[in-house]
Amino acid sequence: MMKESGIKHTNWMNRAYMALTESNAGEMDFSVYHLSTELDKAGEGRRWDVNLEIMEDKGPIFIISNQRTVYNLLDAGNWLWGNAINRTGGSYVLAKKWSTIFNSKDSDADQRAIQMGWWFQEGYQDVKDDPKNLNQ
């Protein structure tokens, strides 16, 4: 997914431009651009009602890598977005700031998914390394 979205370490200007232009319905909107496509490929795309299930945090669930947390479609996209910001070279502080600019109504769960995706890329990949108590 990251390669398909053009996610790679880059300078601050390209990073900011990509986040700005691709985070809402673009290649960095992983819930729309990738995960929904994967559901369609698996024959599950039409099974879920967007308004009754997806937007109400119900519907398909995802477990990413060796994580113990189960994410709904939108939070899985948030996890991947946080991970992508790290891969481009963006700091966690920047990821948190940009996420609130792109979606001022993010819930605590949304922010937690972004945080976990960012920290996973940073190397906290083992469940025992869970950075939930890190306040950065």
Protein backbone atom coordinates (compact mmCIF):
# COMPACT_ATOMS: atom_id res chain seq x y z
CA MET A 1 0.00 0.00 0.00
CA MET A 2 2.71 2.46 0.92
CA LYS A 3 4.60 1.91 -2.32
CA GLU A 4 1.39 2.24 -4.35
CA SER A 5 0.67 5.54 -2.62
CA GLY A 6 4.15 6.87 -3.31
CA ILE A 7 5.07 6.93 0.39
CA LYS A 8 8.81 7.36 0.86
CA HIS A 9 11.15 9.52 2.90
CA THR A 10 11.20 12.99 1.42
CA ASN A 11 11.92 16.61 2.23
CA TRP A 12 9.59 18.71 4.36
CA MET A 13 8.02 20.52 1.41
CA ASN A 14 7.11 17.37 -0.51
CA ARG A 15 5.92 15.75 2.72
CA ALA A 16 3.61 18.66 3.52
CA TYR A 17 2.32 18.90 -0.06
CA MET A 18 1.57 15.18 -0.25
CA ALA A 19 -0.20 15.16 3.12
CA LEU A 20 -2.21 18.23 2.14
CA THR A 21 -3.27 16.99 -1.29
CA GLU A 22 -3.59 13.23 -0.72
CA SER A 23 -5.04 12.81 2.80
CA ASN A 24 -8.70 13.38 1.90
CA ALA A 25 -9.91 10.99 -0.84
CA GLY A 26 -6.38 10.73 -2.25
CA GLU A 27 -3.63 8.14 -2.15
CA MET A 28 -2.98 8.80 1.56
CA ASP A 29 -6.64 8.27 2.46
CA PHE A 30 -6.08 4.59 3.10
CA SER A 31 -9.66 3.87 4.16
CA VAL A 32 -10.94 5.02 0.79
CA TYR A 33 -8.04 4.43 -1.56
CA HIS A 34 -6.77 1.03 -0.39
CA LEU A 35 -8.80 -0.72 2.30
CA SER A 36 -12.13 -0.28 0.51
CA THR A 37 -10.55 -1.67 -2.65
CA GLU A 38 -9.25 -4.66 -0.72
CA LEU A 39 -12.76 -5.30 0.62
CA ASP A 40 -14.12 -5.17 -2.92
CA LYS A 41 -11.50 -7.65 -4.12
CA ALA A 42 -12.51 -10.03 -1.33
CA GLY A 43 -16.17 -9.74 -2.31
CA GLU A 44 -17.02 -7.82 0.85
CA GLY A 45 -17.32 -4.30 -0.55
CA ARG A 46 -21.08 -4.25 -0.99
CA ARG A 47 -21.80 -6.10 2.24
CA TRP A 48 -21.34 -3.03 4.44
CA ASP A 49 -23.69 -0.04 4.45
CA VAL A 50 -21.60 3.13 4.54
CA ASN A 51 -24.03 5.23 6.57
CA LEU A 52 -25.30 2.55 8.96
CA GLU A 53 -22.12 0.61 9.57
CA ILE A 54 -18.90 2.19 8.29
CA MET A 55 -19.56 5.73 9.51
CA GLU A 56 -20.84 4.38 12.84
CA ASP A 57 -17.58 2.51 13.51
CA LYS A 58 -19.14 -0.85 12.73
CA GLY A 59 -18.45 -3.21 9.88
CA PRO A 60 -15.21 -4.86 8.77
CA ILE A 61 -12.30 -5.11 11.17
CA PHE A 62 -8.57 -5.19 10.55
CA ILE A 63 -5.61 -6.46 12.54
CA ILE A 64 -2.39 -4.88 11.32
CA SER A 65 0.82 -6.88 11.58
CA ASN A 66 1.37 -8.34 15.06
CA GLN A 67 -0.75 -5.76 16.87
CA ARG A 68 -3.32 -6.89 19.42
CA THR A 69 -5.65 -4.01 18.62
CA VAL A 70 -8.51 -4.55 16.21
CA TYR A 71 -9.36 -1.56 14.04
CA ASN A 72 -12.51 -0.72 12.13
CA LEU A 73 -12.14 0.46 8.53
CA LEU A 74 -11.70 4.14 9.35
CA ASP A 75 -9.31 3.60 12.27
CA ALA A 76 -7.24 1.16 10.21
CA GLY A 77 -6.92 3.97 7.67
CA ASN A 78 -5.83 6.29 10.47
CA TRP A 79 -3.20 3.77 11.59
CA LEU A 80 -1.85 3.55 8.05
CA TRP A 81 -1.88 7.35 7.71
CA GLY A 82 0.19 7.77 10.89
CA ASN A 83 2.56 5.11 9.62
CA ALA A 84 2.85 6.90 6.27
CA ILE A 85 3.67 10.25 7.90
CA ASN A 86 6.54 8.55 9.74
CA ARG A 87 7.78 6.93 6.51
CA THR A 88 7.89 10.31 4.78
CA GLY A 89 10.06 11.63 7.62
CA GLY A 90 7.36 13.46 9.55
CA SER A 91 7.53 13.61 13.33
CA TYR A 92 4.79 12.35 15.63
CA VAL A 93 4.06 15.94 16.67
CA LEU A 94 3.61 16.85 13.00
CA ALA A 95 1.35 13.83 12.40
CA LYS A 96 -0.83 14.83 15.34
CA LYS A 97 -0.98 18.47 14.21
CA TRP A 98 -1.80 17.61 10.60
CA SER A 99 -4.43 15.08 11.59
CA THR A 100 -6.35 17.72 13.51
CA ILE A 101 -6.10 20.10 10.56
CA PHE A 102 -7.47 17.50 8.15
CA ASN A 103 -10.16 16.31 10.53
CA SER A 104 -10.92 18.49 13.53
CA LYS A 105 -13.52 15.95 14.73
CA ASP A 106 -11.10 13.08 15.29
CA SER A 107 -12.04 10.99 18.29
CA ASP A 108 -9.59 9.71 20.88
CA ALA A 109 -9.67 6.36 19.05
CA ASP A 110 -8.77 8.08 15.77
CA GLN A 111 -5.82 9.83 17.40
CA ARG A 112 -4.74 6.61 19.10
CA ALA A 113 -4.73 4.75 15.79
CA ILE A 114 -2.60 7.49 14.19
CA GLN A 115 -0.23 7.36 17.15
CA MET A 116 0.09 3.57 17.02
CA GLY A 117 0.75 3.60 13.26
CA TRP A 118 3.43 6.25 13.65
CA TRP A 119 5.17 4.48 16.54
CA PHE A 120 4.99 1.08 14.80
CA GLN A 121 7.09 2.46 11.97
CA GLU A 122 9.47 3.95 14.52
CA GLY A 123 10.28 0.46 15.76
CA TYR A 124 7.74 -0.19 18.52
CA GLN A 125 6.50 -3.30 16.74
CA ASP A 126 6.33 -5.79 19.56
CA VAL A 127 3.24 -5.75 21.71
CA LYS A 128 5.41 -5.32 24.83
CA ASP A 129 6.83 -2.13 23.27
CA ASP A 130 3.40 -0.49 23.19
CA PRO A 131 4.11 3.26 23.43
CA LYS A 132 0.68 4.16 24.83
CA ASN A 133 2.27 5.87 27.79
CA LEU A 134 4.65 7.96 25.71
CA ASN A 135 3.46 11.55 25.60
CA GLN A 136 5.24 13.09 22.65
